[in-house]
Amino acid sequence: LLPENPPTIPGYELHGSNTASRQVSGDYFDFRARGDGKTYAAIADVCGKGVGPALLMASLQASFHAWADESVPVSEMTGRLSEAISRRTGPDRFITFFLVLLDPTTGEVEYTNAGHNPGLLLKVDGSLTELPSHGLPLALFPGRPYTSTKFTLMPGDLLCLYTDGVTEANSPDGTEFGFPRLKEFIGKQVGVAPTEIEEELLKELEEHAQGEPFADDRTLVMVRRVPA
């Protein structure tokens, strides 16, 4: 259900990956080109692990693909998905979700963060900005509207999204990898391609875990505008 390859967009590098902690993953990521030339990037984390969350993720994917060509704002798309998922699950299930819409011609990015981990925007000058949540996860309070935020991805800038399987990776003594360490790592990646960033990050996670099994799925989505 996950994309084999991201869409090819001249002037941009898109990358996504998923590593399941069990046989099936409750994490989700996706890329979807629209008819107006803009492209969606999404990442999500279903509450729980195993087959149940994986089936709910499949439902999210089906709804997202069904509406992706309607050219609605990201906040409206997120609200629609929240209502759709709420009709297919009980009150103990929810999905954190981060939806991005990229306009390649201008570099403008509009995003809605529905209770997901804060995204990280690394500027070409080395500054790092957190992209916080706009509201609660999908399906918790269906019908409640979401908002969105816009920024411009300049040449050399990188957007990094992830699930908490990255930040909550434990060492043998129970110490988490943590958000501060992830920020420090991403802050050093100016000018580095997303595939190389993922490779080095996974090395750091393995070194931190020291053989400790990963208790949660690890998913990454990155969008980088190539320097002119």
C-alpha atoms as a PDB file:
ATOM      1  CA  LEU A   1       0.000   0.000   0.000  1.00  0.00           C
ATOM      2  CA  LEU A   2       2.998   2.318   0.296  1.00  0.00           C
ATOM      3  CA  PRO A   3       4.405   4.011  -2.818  1.00  0.00           C
ATOM      4  CA  GLU A   4       7.344   2.260  -4.457  1.00  0.00           C
ATOM      5  CA  ASN A   5       8.805   5.516  -5.751  1.00  0.00           C
ATOM      6  CA  PRO A   6       7.993   9.192  -5.198  1.00  0.00           C
ATOM      7  CA  PRO A   7       6.949  11.309  -8.178  1.00  0.00           C
ATOM      8  CA  THR A   8       9.730  12.945 -10.168  1.00  0.00           C
ATOM      9  CA  ILE A   9       9.537  16.733  -9.884  1.00  0.00           C
ATOM     10  CA  PRO A  10      12.263  18.772 -11.615  1.00  0.00           C
ATOM     11  CA  GLY A  11      14.144  20.868  -9.072  1.00  0.00           C
ATOM     12  CA  TYR A  12      13.039  18.765  -6.068  1.00  0.00           C
ATOM     13  CA  GLU A  13      14.031  15.568  -4.273  1.00  0.00           C
ATOM     14  CA  LEU A  14      11.200  13.607  -2.628  1.00  0.00           C
ATOM     15  CA  HIS A  15      11.911  10.617  -0.422  1.00  0.00           C
ATOM     16  CA  GLY A  16       9.879   8.321   1.814  1.00  0.00           C
ATOM     17  CA  SER A  17      10.639   5.109   3.708  1.00  0.00           C
ATOM     18  CA  ASN A  18       9.003   2.786   6.212  1.00  0.00           C
ATOM     19  CA  THR A  19      10.524   0.164   8.497  1.00  0.00           C
ATOM     20  CA  ALA A  20       7.959  -1.977  10.324  1.00  0.00           C
ATOM     21  CA  SER A  21       8.634  -3.143  13.878  1.00  0.00           C
ATOM     22  CA  ARG A  22       6.402  -6.190  13.257  1.00  0.00           C
ATOM     23  CA  GLN A  23       5.178  -8.077  10.183  1.00  0.00           C
ATOM     24  CA  VAL A  24       2.857  -5.214   9.215  1.00  0.00           C
ATOM     25  CA  SER A  25       3.103  -1.489   9.831  1.00  0.00           C
ATOM     26  CA  GLY A  26       0.583   0.979  11.231  1.00  0.00           C
ATOM     27  CA  ASP A  27       2.581   3.880   9.808  1.00  0.00           C
ATOM     28  CA  TYR A  28       1.731   5.396   6.447  1.00  0.00           C
ATOM     29  CA  PHE A  29       3.335   7.729   3.966  1.00  0.00           C
ATOM     30  CA  ASP A  30       2.329   8.755   0.491  1.00  0.00           C
ATOM     31  CA  PHE A  31       2.913  11.108  -2.420  1.00  0.00           C
ATOM     32  CA  ARG A  32       0.140  12.105  -4.810  1.00  0.00           C
ATOM     33  CA  ALA A  33       0.345  14.444  -7.801  1.00  0.00           C
ATOM     34  CA  ARG A  34      -2.722  16.611  -8.515  1.00  0.00           C
ATOM     35  CA  GLY A  35      -4.073  17.680 -11.871  1.00  0.00           C
ATOM     36  CA  ASP A  36      -3.181  21.325 -11.168  1.00  0.00           C
ATOM     37  CA  GLY A  37       0.539  20.529 -10.994  1.00  0.00           C
ATOM     38  CA  LYS A  38       0.767  20.530  -7.199  1.00  0.00           C
ATOM     39  CA  THR A  39       1.844  17.444  -5.224  1.00  0.00           C
ATOM     40  CA  TYR A  40       0.741  16.054  -1.877  1.00  0.00           C
ATOM     41  CA  ALA A  41       3.121  14.468   0.609  1.00  0.00           C
ATOM     42  CA  ALA A  42       1.640  12.768   3.663  1.00  0.00           C
ATOM     43  CA  ILE A  43       2.772  10.863   6.732  1.00  0.00           C
ATOM     44  CA  ALA A  44       0.610   9.234   9.405  1.00  0.00           C
ATOM     45  CA  ASP A  45       0.806   7.029  12.477  1.00  0.00           C
ATOM     46  CA  VAL A  46      -2.158   4.881  13.506  1.00  0.00           C
ATOM     47  CA  CYS A  47      -2.624   4.334  17.237  1.00  0.00           C
ATOM     48  CA  GLY A  48      -1.559   0.789  18.101  1.00  0.00           C
ATOM     49  CA  LYS A  49       0.423  -1.901  16.310  1.00  0.00           C
ATOM     50  CA  GLY A  50      -0.277  -4.927  14.161  1.00  0.00           C
ATOM     51  CA  VAL A  51      -3.037  -5.918  11.747  1.00  0.00           C
ATOM     52  CA  GLY A  52      -5.818  -3.667  13.107  1.00  0.00           C
ATOM     53  CA  PRO A  53      -3.901  -0.393  12.676  1.00  0.00           C
ATOM     54  CA  ALA A  54      -2.619  -1.592   9.288  1.00  0.00           C
ATOM     55  CA  LEU A  55      -6.204  -2.090   8.084  1.00  0.00           C
ATOM     56  CA  LEU A  56      -7.146   1.378   9.328  1.00  0.00           C
ATOM     57  CA  MET A  57      -4.144   2.773   7.477  1.00  0.00           C
ATOM     58  CA  ALA A  58      -5.444   1.088   4.307  1.00  0.00           C
ATOM     59  CA  SER A  59      -8.777   2.856   4.830  1.00  0.00           C
ATOM     60  CA  LEU A  60      -6.971   6.192   5.193  1.00  0.00           C
ATOM     61  CA  GLN A  61      -5.070   5.568   1.977  1.00  0.00           C
ATOM     62  CA  ALA A  62      -8.237   4.694   0.056  1.00  0.00           C
ATOM     63  CA  SER A  63     -10.025   7.864   1.179  1.00  0.00           C
ATOM     64  CA  PHE A  64      -6.989  10.048   0.513  1.00  0.00           C
ATOM     65  CA  HIS A  65      -6.568   8.707  -3.014  1.00  0.00           C
ATOM     66  CA  ALA A  66     -10.275   9.086  -3.726  1.00  0.00           C
ATOM     67  CA  TRP A  67     -10.201  12.808  -2.934  1.00  0.00           C
ATOM     68  CA  ALA A  68      -6.652  13.742  -3.964  1.00  0.00           C
ATOM     69  CA  ASP A  69      -7.690  15.058  -7.386  1.00  0.00           C
ATOM     70  CA  GLU A  70     -10.392  17.411  -6.102  1.00  0.00           C
ATOM     71  CA  SER A  71      -7.948  20.278  -5.465  1.00  0.00           C
ATOM     72  CA  VAL A  72      -9.330  21.138  -2.025  1.00  0.00           C
ATOM     73  CA  PRO A  73      -7.267  22.993   0.610  1.00  0.00           C
ATOM     74  CA  VAL A  74      -5.153  20.795   2.878  1.00  0.00           C
ATOM     75  CA  SER A  75      -7.195  21.816   5.919  1.00  0.00           C
ATOM     76  CA  GLU A  76     -10.423  20.689   4.233  1.00  0.00           C
ATOM     77  CA  MET A  77      -8.842  17.440   3.055  1.00  0.00           C
ATOM     78  CA  THR A  78      -7.667  16.726   6.613  1.00  0.00           C
ATOM     79  CA  GLY A  79     -11.155  17.379   8.005  1.00  0.00           C
ATOM     80  CA  ARG A  80     -12.742  15.070   5.435  1.00  0.00           C
ATOM     81  CA  LEU A  81     -10.314  12.297   6.300  1.00  0.00           C
ATOM     82  CA  SER A  82     -10.991  12.719  10.018  1.00  0.00           C
ATOM     83  CA  GLU A  83     -14.721  12.277   9.493  1.00  0.00           C
ATOM     84  CA  ALA A  84     -14.280   9.313   7.160  1.00  0.00           C
ATOM     85  CA  ILE A  85     -11.936   7.481   9.549  1.00  0.00           C
ATOM     86  CA  SER A  86     -14.215   8.143  12.539  1.00  0.00           C
ATOM     87  CA  ARG A  87     -17.007   6.224  10.791  1.00  0.00           C
ATOM     88  CA  ARG A  88     -14.778   3.169  10.396  1.00  0.00           C
ATOM     89  CA  THR A  89     -13.252   2.815  13.829  1.00  0.00           C
ATOM     90  CA  GLY A  90     -14.031   2.954  17.537  1.00  0.00           C
ATOM     91  CA  PRO A  91     -13.199   5.751  19.981  1.00  0.00           C
ATOM     92  CA  ASP A  92      -9.985   4.012  21.026  1.00  0.00           C
ATOM     93  CA  ARG A  93      -8.424   4.420  17.592  1.00  0.00           C
ATOM     94  CA  PHE A  94      -7.030   7.593  16.056  1.00  0.00           C
ATOM     95  CA  ILE A  95      -4.407   8.641  13.521  1.00  0.00           C
ATOM     96  CA  THR A  96      -1.822  11.397  13.758  1.00  0.00           C
ATOM     97  CA  PHE A  97      -1.474  12.918  10.299  1.00  0.00           C
ATOM     98  CA  PHE A  98       0.702  15.494   8.565  1.00  0.00           C
ATOM     99  CA  LEU A  99      -0.396  16.621   5.095  1.00  0.00           C
ATOM    100  CA  VAL A 100       1.758  18.786   2.809  1.00  0.00           C
ATOM    101  CA  LEU A 101       0.855  20.367  -0.521  1.00  0.00           C
ATOM    102  CA  LEU A 102       3.800  21.532  -2.647  1.00  0.00           C
ATOM    103  CA  ASP A 103       3.531  23.948  -5.552  1.00  0.00           C
ATOM    104  CA  PRO A 104       6.740  23.197  -7.500  1.00  0.00           C
ATOM    105  CA  THR A 105       6.544  26.332  -9.628  1.00  0.00           C
ATOM    106  CA  THR A 106       6.838  28.681  -6.645  1.00  0.00           C
ATOM    107  CA  GLY A 107       8.129  26.436  -3.847  1.00  0.00           C
ATOM    108  CA  GLU A 108       5.079  27.309  -1.746  1.00  0.00           C
ATOM    109  CA  VAL A 109       4.154  24.658   0.807  1.00  0.00           C
ATOM    110  CA  GLU A 110       0.818  24.532   2.625  1.00  0.00           C
ATOM    111  CA  TYR A 111       0.499  22.027   5.452  1.00  0.00           C
ATOM    112  CA  THR A 112      -1.864  20.823   8.152  1.00  0.00           C
ATOM    113  CA  ASN A 113      -0.514  18.916  11.142  1.00  0.00           C
ATOM    114  CA  ALA A 114      -3.249  16.861  12.826  1.00  0.00           C
ATOM    115  CA  GLY A 115      -1.689  15.896  16.139  1.00  0.00           C
ATOM    116  CA  HIS A 116       1.482  14.536  14.539  1.00  0.00           C
ATOM    117  CA  ASN A 117       5.084  15.039  15.611  1.00  0.00           C
ATOM    118  CA  PRO A 118       6.348  18.514  14.713  1.00  0.00           C
ATOM    119  CA  GLY A 119       7.867  18.673  11.250  1.00  0.00           C
ATOM    120  CA  LEU A 120      11.347  20.111  10.803  1.00  0.00           C
ATOM    121  CA  LEU A 121      12.157  22.781   8.218  1.00  0.00           C
ATOM    122  CA  LEU A 122      15.906  23.125   7.632  1.00  0.00           C
ATOM    123  CA  LYS A 123      16.785  26.321   5.775  1.00  0.00           C
ATOM    124  CA  VAL A 124      19.815  26.609   3.550  1.00  0.00           C
ATOM    125  CA  ASP A 125      21.404  28.994   6.096  1.00  0.00           C
ATOM    126  CA  GLY A 126      21.311  26.240   8.751  1.00  0.00           C
ATOM    127  CA  SER A 127      18.381  27.577  10.763  1.00  0.00           C
ATOM    128  CA  LEU A 128      15.817  25.011  11.907  1.00  0.00           C
ATOM    129  CA  THR A 129      12.095  25.620  12.413  1.00  0.00           C
ATOM    130  CA  GLU A 130       9.557  23.322  14.093  1.00  0.00           C
ATOM    131  CA  LEU A 131       6.158  22.917  12.412  1.00  0.00           C
ATOM    132  CA  PRO A 132       3.716  22.314  15.275  1.00  0.00           C
ATOM    133  CA  SER A 133       0.250  20.770  15.346  1.00  0.00           C
ATOM    134  CA  HIS A 134      -2.902  22.537  14.114  1.00  0.00           C
ATOM    135  CA  GLY A 135      -5.254  20.302  16.073  1.00  0.00           C
ATOM    136  CA  LEU A 136      -6.090  16.839  17.313  1.00  0.00           C
ATOM    137  CA  PRO A 137      -5.420  13.557  15.478  1.00  0.00           C
ATOM    138  CA  LEU A 138      -7.850  12.244  12.892  1.00  0.00           C
ATOM    139  CA  ALA A 139     -11.075  10.633  14.178  1.00  0.00           C
ATOM    140  CA  LEU A 140     -10.857  12.006  17.723  1.00  0.00           C
ATOM    141  CA  PHE A 141     -13.322  14.869  17.166  1.00  0.00           C
ATOM    142  CA  PRO A 142     -14.784  14.493  13.658  1.00  0.00           C
ATOM    143  CA  GLY A 143     -16.364  17.665  12.329  1.00  0.00           C
ATOM    144  CA  ARG A 144     -13.938  19.961  14.118  1.00  0.00           C
ATOM    145  CA  PRO A 145     -12.229  22.124  11.455  1.00  0.00           C
ATOM    146  CA  TYR A 146      -8.488  22.295  10.929  1.00  0.00           C
ATOM    147  CA  THR A 147      -6.335  25.229   9.884  1.00  0.00           C
ATOM    148  CA  SER A 148      -3.176  25.312   7.785  1.00  0.00           C
ATOM    149  CA  THR A 149       0.116  27.195   7.468  1.00  0.00           C
ATOM    150  CA  LYS A 150       2.103  28.244   4.400  1.00  0.00           C
ATOM    151  CA  PHE A 151       5.807  28.800   3.816  1.00  0.00           C
ATOM    152  CA  THR A 152       8.127  28.863   0.811  1.00  0.00           C
ATOM    153  CA  LEU A 153      10.686  26.129   0.271  1.00  0.00           C
ATOM    154  CA  MET A 154      13.698  27.985  -1.098  1.00  0.00           C
ATOM    155  CA  PRO A 155      16.536  26.332  -3.083  1.00  0.00           C
ATOM    156  CA  GLY A 156      18.556  24.202  -0.647  1.00  0.00           C
ATOM    157  CA  ASP A 157      15.786  24.003   1.979  1.00  0.00           C
ATOM    158  CA  LEU A 158      14.702  20.638   3.421  1.00  0.00           C
ATOM    159  CA  LEU A 159      11.406  19.529   4.978  1.00  0.00           C
ATOM    160  CA  CYS A 160      11.675  16.441   7.210  1.00  0.00           C
ATOM    161  CA  LEU A 161       8.687  14.518   8.589  1.00  0.00           C
ATOM    162  CA  TYR A 162       8.885  11.392  10.759  1.00  0.00           C
ATOM    163  CA  THR A 163       6.903   9.149  13.091  1.00  0.00           C
ATOM    164  CA  ASP A 164       7.603   8.627  16.783  1.00  0.00           C
ATOM    165  CA  GLY A 165       9.267   5.292  16.125  1.00  0.00           C
ATOM    166  CA  VAL A 166      12.297   7.433  15.303  1.00  0.00           C
ATOM    167  CA  THR A 167      12.345   9.655  18.383  1.00  0.00           C
ATOM    168  CA  GLU A 168      11.213   6.905  20.780  1.00  0.00           C
ATOM    169  CA  ALA A 169      13.831   4.342  19.761  1.00  0.00           C
ATOM    170  CA  ASN A 170      15.258   3.000  23.041  1.00  0.00           C
ATOM    171  CA  SER A 171      18.749   2.054  24.143  1.00  0.00           C
ATOM    172  CA  PRO A 172      19.158  -1.011  26.429  1.00  0.00           C
ATOM    173  CA  ASP A 173      18.842   1.209  29.524  1.00  0.00           C
ATOM    174  CA  GLY A 174      15.558   2.684  28.267  1.00  0.00           C
ATOM    175  CA  THR A 175      16.907   6.035  27.072  1.00  0.00           C
ATOM    176  CA  GLU A 176      14.994   7.366  24.067  1.00  0.00           C
ATOM    177  CA  PHE A 177      16.762   8.737  21.011  1.00  0.00           C
ATOM    178  CA  GLY A 178      14.615  11.828  21.561  1.00  0.00           C
ATOM    179  CA  PHE A 179      13.434  14.875  19.646  1.00  0.00           C
ATOM    180  CA  PRO A 180      16.382  17.121  20.666  1.00  0.00           C
ATOM    181  CA  ARG A 181      18.865  14.627  19.231  1.00  0.00           C
ATOM    182  CA  LEU A 182      16.847  14.345  16.016  1.00  0.00           C
ATOM    183  CA  LYS A 183      16.819  18.145  15.703  1.00  0.00           C
ATOM    184  CA  GLU A 184      20.566  18.262  16.243  1.00  0.00           C
ATOM    185  CA  PHE A 185      21.083  15.625  13.564  1.00  0.00           C
ATOM    186  CA  ILE A 186      18.799  17.272  10.984  1.00  0.00           C
ATOM    187  CA  GLY A 187      20.386  20.653  11.680  1.00  0.00           C
ATOM    188  CA  LYS A 188      23.686  19.318  10.302  1.00  0.00           C
ATOM    189  CA  GLN A 189      22.219  18.124   6.984  1.00  0.00           C
ATOM    190  CA  VAL A 190      22.372  21.307   4.891  1.00  0.00           C
ATOM    191  CA  GLY A 191      23.206  20.363   1.313  1.00  0.00           C
ATOM    192  CA  VAL A 192      22.769  16.615   1.897  1.00  0.00           C
ATOM    193  CA  ALA A 193      20.438  14.509  -0.274  1.00  0.00           C
ATOM    194  CA  PRO A 194      17.428  12.887   1.491  1.00  0.00           C
ATOM    195  CA  THR A 195      18.599   9.340   0.723  1.00  0.00           C
ATOM    196  CA  GLU A 196      21.938  10.054   2.378  1.00  0.00           C
ATOM    197  CA  ILE A 197      20.218  11.690   5.361  1.00  0.00           C
ATOM    198  CA  GLU A 198      18.089   8.579   5.884  1.00  0.00           C
ATOM    199  CA  GLU A 199      21.114   6.287   5.647  1.00  0.00           C
ATOM    200  CA  GLU A 200      23.045   8.244   8.275  1.00  0.00           C
ATOM    201  CA  LEU A 201      20.027   8.617  10.562  1.00  0.00           C
ATOM    202  CA  LEU A 202      19.347   4.884  10.520  1.00  0.00           C
ATOM    203  CA  LYS A 203      22.997   4.301  11.448  1.00  0.00           C
ATOM    204  CA  GLU A 204      22.625   6.650  14.426  1.00  0.00           C
ATOM    205  CA  LEU A 205      19.433   4.901  15.505  1.00  0.00           C
ATOM    206  CA  GLU A 206      21.089   1.483  15.335  1.00  0.00           C
ATOM    207  CA  GLU A 207      24.072   2.744  17.333  1.00  0.00           C
ATOM    208  CA  HIS A 208      21.727   4.212  19.928  1.00  0.00           C
ATOM    209  CA  ALA A 209      19.642   1.030  20.175  1.00  0.00           C
ATOM    210  CA  GLN A 210      22.717  -1.218  20.570  1.00  0.00           C
ATOM    211  CA  GLY A 211      20.735  -4.230  19.433  1.00  0.00           C
ATOM    212  CA  GLU A 212      17.582  -3.381  21.387  1.00  0.00           C
ATOM    213  CA  PRO A 213      14.527  -4.301  19.251  1.00  0.00           C
ATOM    214  CA  PHE A 214      12.629  -1.320  17.874  1.00  0.00           C
ATOM    215  CA  ALA A 215       9.223  -1.200  19.542  1.00  0.00           C
ATOM    216  CA  ASP A 216       7.530   0.989  16.934  1.00  0.00           C
ATOM    217  CA  ASP A 217       7.485   1.506  13.187  1.00  0.00           C
ATOM    218  CA  ARG A 218       9.909   4.081  11.763  1.00  0.00           C
ATOM    219  CA  THR A 219       8.799   6.227   8.850  1.00  0.00           C
ATOM    220  CA  LEU A 220      10.439   9.201   7.162  1.00  0.00           C
ATOM    221  CA  VAL A 221       9.280  11.665   4.506  1.00  0.00           C
ATOM    222  CA  MET A 222      11.588  14.340   3.134  1.00  0.00           C
ATOM    223  CA  VAL A 223      11.129  17.057   0.516  1.00  0.00           C
ATOM    224  CA  ARG A 224      14.196  19.019  -0.580  1.00  0.00           C
ATOM    225  CA  ARG A 225      14.381  21.806  -3.100  1.00  0.00           C
ATOM    226  CA  VAL A 226      17.553  21.378  -5.098  1.00  0.00           C
ATOM    227  CA  PRO A 227      19.873  24.407  -5.099  1.00  0.00           C
ATOM    228  CA  ALA A 228      19.900  26.310  -8.373  1.00  0.00           C
END
